[in-house]
C-alpha atoms as a PDB file:
ATOM      1  CA  MET A   1      13.555  21.448  15.743  1.00  0.00           C
ATOM      2  CA  GLU A   2      13.498  18.830  12.974  1.00  0.00           C
ATOM      3  CA  SER A   3      12.417  15.178  13.201  1.00  0.00           C
ATOM      4  CA  SER A   4      12.075  12.482  10.564  1.00  0.00           C
ATOM      5  CA  ALA A   5      10.530   9.031  10.212  1.00  0.00           C
ATOM      6  CA  ILE A   6       9.779   6.375   7.608  1.00  0.00           C
ATOM      7  CA  TYR A   7       6.147   5.564   6.850  1.00  0.00           C
ATOM      8  CA  GLY A   8       4.714   3.016   4.482  1.00  0.00           C
ATOM      9  CA  MET A   9       2.689  -0.128   4.121  1.00  0.00           C
ATOM     10  CA  GLN A  10       4.813  -2.035   1.645  1.00  0.00           C
ATOM     11  CA  PRO A  11       4.140  -5.777   2.068  1.00  0.00           C
ATOM     12  CA  GLN A  12       7.003  -8.096   2.940  1.00  0.00           C
ATOM     13  CA  SER A  13       5.857 -10.649   0.363  1.00  0.00           C
ATOM     14  CA  SER A  14       6.324 -10.048  -3.367  1.00  0.00           C
ATOM     15  CA  TRP A  15       3.521 -12.487  -4.249  1.00  0.00           C
ATOM     16  CA  LEU A  16       1.043 -10.130  -2.569  1.00  0.00           C
ATOM     17  CA  LEU A  17       2.198  -7.337  -4.875  1.00  0.00           C
ATOM     18  CA  ASP A  18       1.945  -9.664  -7.885  1.00  0.00           C
ATOM     19  CA  LEU A  19      -1.597 -10.639  -6.890  1.00  0.00           C
ATOM     20  CA  GLY A  20      -2.611  -7.003  -6.440  1.00  0.00           C
ATOM     21  CA  THR A  21      -1.131  -6.099  -9.816  1.00  0.00           C
ATOM     22  CA  TRP A  22      -3.021  -8.948 -11.493  1.00  0.00           C
ATOM     23  CA  TRP A  23      -6.304  -7.876  -9.865  1.00  0.00           C
ATOM     24  CA  LEU A  24      -5.802  -4.242 -10.911  1.00  0.00           C
ATOM     25  CA  THR A  25      -5.040  -5.317 -14.470  1.00  0.00           C
ATOM     26  CA  HIS A  26      -7.860  -7.846 -14.903  1.00  0.00           C
ATOM     27  CA  ARG A  27     -10.535  -6.874 -12.363  1.00  0.00           C
ATOM     28  CA  ARG A  28      -9.988  -3.179 -11.693  1.00  0.00           C
ATOM     29  CA  GLU A  29     -13.391  -2.345 -10.170  1.00  0.00           C
ATOM     30  CA  GLN A  30     -13.349  -5.344  -7.811  1.00  0.00           C
ATOM     31  CA  ALA A  31      -9.727  -4.697  -6.854  1.00  0.00           C
ATOM     32  CA  MET A  32     -10.459  -1.076  -5.918  1.00  0.00           C
ATOM     33  CA  TRP A  33     -13.523  -2.130  -3.881  1.00  0.00           C
ATOM     34  CA  TRP A  34     -11.464  -4.635  -1.873  1.00  0.00           C
ATOM     35  CA  TYR A  35      -8.591  -2.179  -1.468  1.00  0.00           C
ATOM     36  CA  ASN A  36     -10.759   0.724  -0.261  1.00  0.00           C
ATOM     37  CA  ARG A  37     -13.093  -1.254   1.984  1.00  0.00           C
ATOM     38  CA  VAL A  38     -10.922  -4.091   3.326  1.00  0.00           C
ATOM     39  CA  MET A  39      -7.178  -3.831   2.705  1.00  0.00           C
ATOM     40  CA  MET A  40      -6.617  -0.139   3.468  1.00  0.00           C
ATOM     41  CA  PRO A  41      -8.602  -0.136   6.750  1.00  0.00           C
ATOM     42  CA  LEU A  42      -6.768  -3.286   7.884  1.00  0.00           C
ATOM     43  CA  GLY A  43      -3.405  -1.851   6.839  1.00  0.00           C
ATOM     44  CA  VAL A  44      -3.999   1.383   8.727  1.00  0.00           C
ATOM     45  CA  ARG A  45      -5.159  -0.513  11.825  1.00  0.00           C
ATOM     46  CA  PHE A  46      -2.080  -2.743  11.965  1.00  0.00           C
ATOM     47  CA  GLN A  47       0.480  -0.146  10.834  1.00  0.00           C
ATOM     48  CA  LYS A  48       3.326   0.361  13.284  1.00  0.00           C
ATOM     49  CA  LYS A  49       3.194   3.589  15.249  1.00  0.00           C
ATOM     50  CA  LEU A  50       5.154   6.399  13.607  1.00  0.00           C
ATOM     51  CA  ALA A  51       8.563   6.666  15.298  1.00  0.00           C
ATOM     52  CA  LEU A  52       9.985  10.166  14.904  1.00  0.00           C
ATOM     53  CA  CYS A  53      13.748  10.489  15.329  1.00  0.00           C
ATOM     54  CA  PRO A  54      15.540  13.753  16.033  1.00  0.00           C
ATOM     55  CA  GLY A  55      17.215  15.216  12.952  1.00  0.00           C
ATOM     56  CA  MET A  56      17.419  13.459   9.585  1.00  0.00           C
ATOM     57  CA  ILE A  57      17.540   9.654   9.481  1.00  0.00           C
ATOM     58  CA  ASP A  58      19.787   7.638   7.152  1.00  0.00           C
ATOM     59  CA  THR A  59      17.902   7.552   3.846  1.00  0.00           C
ATOM     60  CA  SER A  60      20.058   4.983   2.058  1.00  0.00           C
ATOM     61  CA  LYS A  61      17.579   2.158   2.755  1.00  0.00           C
ATOM     62  CA  VAL A  62      14.323   4.116   2.577  1.00  0.00           C
ATOM     63  CA  GLY A  63      12.029   2.507   0.010  1.00  0.00           C
ATOM     64  CA  GLU A  64       8.801   4.047   1.170  1.00  0.00           C
ATOM     65  CA  ILE A  65       7.759   7.505   2.343  1.00  0.00           C
ATOM     66  CA  LEU A  66      10.147   9.704   4.283  1.00  0.00           C
ATOM     67  CA  LEU A  67       8.402  12.175   6.563  1.00  0.00           C
ATOM     68  CA  VAL A  68      10.218  15.294   7.780  1.00  0.00           C
ATOM     69  CA  CYS A  69       8.558  17.493  10.417  1.00  0.00           C
ATOM     70  CA  ARG A  70       9.742  20.962  11.369  1.00  0.00           C
ATOM     71  CA  LYS A  71       8.414  22.879  14.326  1.00  0.00           C
ATOM     72  CA  GLN A  72       8.893  26.600  14.052  1.00  0.00           C
ATOM     73  CA  GLY A  73       9.053  28.801  17.100  1.00  0.00           C
ATOM     74  CA  THR A  74       6.196  31.213  17.682  1.00  0.00           C
ATOM     75  CA  ALA A  75       6.735  34.903  16.998  1.00  0.00           C
ATOM     76  CA  GLN A  76       6.767  37.072  20.120  1.00  0.00           C
END
């Protein structure tokens, strides 16, 4: 049986990406501290639940991570 789902935490706002890029370029150590201790835990907490669909989903609009899971039968 094969299932697939899209997973990612890409922000809806491009200004947030621009701000993050600026911080990584100009204040790398501070940016990584904030990312690891604040942004990532918040992002994981508010991430939508993974919705697996049977078979392969339409990948034409996938801009993040595509997850494919296969369950193999057990050998008798």
